[in-house]
C-alpha atoms as a PDB file:
ATOM      1  CA  MET A   1    -133.779 -73.946-100.785  1.00  0.00           C
ATOM      2  CA  ALA A   2    -131.488 -77.100 -98.800  1.00  0.00           C
ATOM      3  CA  SER A   3    -129.419 -77.210-102.122  1.00  0.00           C
ATOM      4  CA  ASP A   4    -128.425 -73.631-101.690  1.00  0.00           C
ATOM      5  CA  SER A   5    -127.592 -74.429 -97.663  1.00  0.00           C
ATOM      6  CA  LEU A   6    -125.945 -77.952 -98.939  1.00  0.00           C
ATOM      7  CA  LYS A   7    -123.370 -75.922-101.003  1.00  0.00           C
ATOM      8  CA  LEU A   8    -122.834 -73.081 -98.078  1.00  0.00           C
ATOM      9  CA  TYR A   9    -122.016 -75.901 -96.129  1.00  0.00           C
ATOM     10  CA  ALA A  10    -120.209 -77.642 -98.547  1.00  0.00           C
ATOM     11  CA  GLY A  11    -117.984 -74.189 -99.675  1.00  0.00           C
ATOM     12  CA  ILE A  12    -117.318 -73.759 -95.474  1.00  0.00           C
ATOM     13  CA  TYR A  13    -115.525 -77.292 -94.962  1.00  0.00           C
ATOM     14  CA  VAL A  14    -113.331 -76.522 -97.800  1.00  0.00           C
ATOM     15  CA  ALA A  15    -112.838 -73.690 -96.716  1.00  0.00           C
ATOM     16  CA  LEU A  16    -111.741 -75.637 -92.846  1.00  0.00           C
ATOM     17  CA  VAL A  17    -110.121 -78.706 -94.544  1.00  0.00           C
ATOM     18  CA  ALA A  18    -107.761 -75.732 -96.466  1.00  0.00           C
ATOM     19  CA  LEU A  19    -107.184 -73.444 -93.540  1.00  0.00           C
ATOM     20  CA  ALA A  20    -106.214 -76.883 -91.964  1.00  0.00           C
ATOM     21  CA  ALA A  21    -103.673 -77.499 -94.249  1.00  0.00           C
ATOM     22  CA  SER A  22    -102.113 -74.507 -94.582  1.00  0.00           C
ATOM     23  CA  LYS A  23    -100.999 -74.861 -91.331  1.00  0.00           C
ATOM     24  CA  TRP A  24     -98.624 -77.563 -91.785  1.00  0.00           C
ATOM     25  CA  LEU A  25     -97.586 -75.659 -95.270  1.00  0.00           C
ATOM     26  CA  PHE A  26     -96.959 -72.438 -93.255  1.00  0.00           C
ATOM     27  CA  PHE A  27     -94.024 -74.541 -91.612  1.00  0.00           C
ATOM     28  CA  HIS A  28     -92.912 -75.502 -95.027  1.00  0.00           C
ATOM     29  CA  ILE A  29     -92.566 -72.220 -96.518  1.00  0.00           C
ATOM     30  CA  PRO A  30     -88.769 -71.679 -96.243  1.00  0.00           C
ATOM     31  CA  ALA A  31     -89.506 -67.602 -96.447  1.00  0.00           C
ATOM     32  CA  PHE A  32     -91.677 -68.385 -93.106  1.00  0.00           C
ATOM     33  CA  GLY A  33     -89.775 -67.928 -90.113  1.00  0.00           C
ATOM     34  CA  TYR A  34     -91.015 -69.790 -86.934  1.00  0.00           C
ATOM     35  CA  TRP A  35     -92.265 -66.555 -85.508  1.00  0.00           C
ATOM     36  CA  ASP A  36     -94.095 -65.815 -89.146  1.00  0.00           C
ATOM     37  CA  ALA A  37     -95.421 -69.294 -89.376  1.00  0.00           C
ATOM     38  CA  PHE A  38     -96.472 -69.705 -85.772  1.00  0.00           C
ATOM     39  CA  ALA A  39     -98.569 -66.013 -86.025  1.00  0.00           C
ATOM     40  CA  ALA A  40     -99.869 -67.353 -89.450  1.00  0.00           C
ATOM     41  CA  THR A  41    -100.831 -70.940 -88.432  1.00  0.00           C
ATOM     42  CA  MET A  42    -102.768 -68.296 -85.596  1.00  0.00           C
ATOM     43  CA  ILE A  43    -104.942 -66.396 -87.928  1.00  0.00           C
ATOM     44  CA  ALA A  44    -106.100 -69.651 -89.857  1.00  0.00           C
ATOM     45  CA  ALA A  45    -107.196 -71.586 -85.760  1.00  0.00           C
ATOM     46  CA  SER A  46    -109.253 -67.928 -85.776  1.00  0.00           C
ATOM     47  CA  LEU A  47    -110.444 -67.756 -89.494  1.00  0.00           C
ATOM     48  CA  LYS A  48    -111.404 -71.828 -88.425  1.00  0.00           C
ATOM     49  CA  THR A  49    -113.086 -70.908 -84.836  1.00  0.00           C
ATOM     50  CA  THR A  50    -115.045 -67.612 -86.478  1.00  0.00           C
ATOM     51  CA  LEU A  51    -116.081 -70.436 -89.149  1.00  0.00           C
ATOM     52  CA  ILE A  52    -117.552 -73.081 -87.212  1.00  0.00           C
ATOM     53  CA  VAL A  53    -118.971 -70.886 -84.392  1.00  0.00           C
ATOM     54  CA  GLY A  54    -120.903 -68.811 -87.324  1.00  0.00           C
ATOM     55  CA  TYR A  55    -122.197 -71.477 -88.938  1.00  0.00           C
ATOM     56  CA  TYR A  56    -122.098 -74.499 -87.929  1.00  0.00           C
ATOM     57  CA  GLN A  57    -123.146 -74.189 -84.399  1.00  0.00           C
ATOM     58  CA  HIS A  58    -125.415 -71.574 -86.155  1.00  0.00           C
ATOM     59  CA  LEU A  59    -124.563 -68.455 -84.124  1.00  0.00           C
ATOM     60  CA  ARG A  60    -125.047 -66.013 -86.731  1.00  0.00           C
ATOM     61  CA  SER A  61    -128.673 -66.881 -86.185  1.00  0.00           C
ATOM     62  CA  GLU A  62    -129.355 -66.692 -82.740  1.00  0.00           C
ATOM     63  CA  ASN A  63    -129.552 -63.304 -80.717  1.00  0.00           C
ATOM     64  CA  ARG A  64    -126.708 -60.283 -80.740  1.00  0.00           C
ATOM     65  CA  SER A  65    -126.976 -61.492 -76.817  1.00  0.00           C
ATOM     66  CA  LEU A  66    -125.919 -64.677 -77.234  1.00  0.00           C
ATOM     67  CA  THR A  67    -123.152 -63.178 -79.676  1.00  0.00           C
ATOM     68  CA  TYR A  68    -122.032 -60.669 -76.777  1.00  0.00           C
ATOM     69  CA  LEU A  69    -122.143 -63.035 -74.054  1.00  0.00           C
ATOM     70  CA  MET A  70    -119.880 -65.646 -75.585  1.00  0.00           C
ATOM     71  CA  ALA A  71    -117.612 -62.507 -77.310  1.00  0.00           C
ATOM     72  CA  LEU A  72    -117.007 -61.596 -73.348  1.00  0.00           C
ATOM     73  CA  SER A  73    -116.219 -65.017 -72.240  1.00  0.00           C
ATOM     74  CA  LEU A  74    -114.151 -65.842 -75.019  1.00  0.00           C
ATOM     75  CA  GLY A  75    -112.163 -62.345 -73.643  1.00  0.00           C
ATOM     76  CA  LEU A  76    -112.029 -63.013 -69.934  1.00  0.00           C
ATOM     77  CA  VAL A  77    -111.046 -66.486 -71.063  1.00  0.00           C
ATOM     78  CA  LEU A  78    -107.739 -64.772 -73.189  1.00  0.00           C
ATOM     79  CA  LEU A  79    -107.382 -63.008 -69.843  1.00  0.00           C
ATOM     80  CA  LEU A  80    -106.645 -65.821 -67.710  1.00  0.00           C
ATOM     81  CA  MET A  81    -104.004 -67.565 -70.019  1.00  0.00           C
ATOM     82  CA  ALA A  82    -102.198 -63.458 -70.378  1.00  0.00           C
ATOM     83  CA  ALA A  83    -102.441 -63.231 -66.587  1.00  0.00           C
ATOM     84  CA  ALA A  84    -101.587 -67.209 -66.945  1.00  0.00           C
ATOM     85  CA  SER A  85     -98.625 -67.215 -68.612  1.00  0.00           C
ATOM     86  CA  TYR A  86     -97.021 -64.218 -66.274  1.00  0.00           C
ATOM     87  CA  SER A  87     -96.801 -66.729 -63.707  1.00  0.00           C
ATOM     88  CA  VAL A  88     -94.767 -70.354 -65.642  1.00  0.00           C
ATOM     89  CA  THR A  89     -91.566 -68.100 -66.543  1.00  0.00           C
END
């Protein structure tokens, strides 16, 4: 049992390192423009966040109500950021 858990967390750690390294790679691939690299970086960051929250912070094993509460707070933060971005320009 502990060995399976160790393998899972080691695999997630390797995936996190690979996603972190991919951000550098996206900006150094000649075929990617700036906005393509930026979009790929945001997708990689979202995947990293999902892995960290789901496994290392054990949100996958929590009650669904807590998961919905976290999703709601994320949505509200995104709305706040969108509203703040209009006041910057």
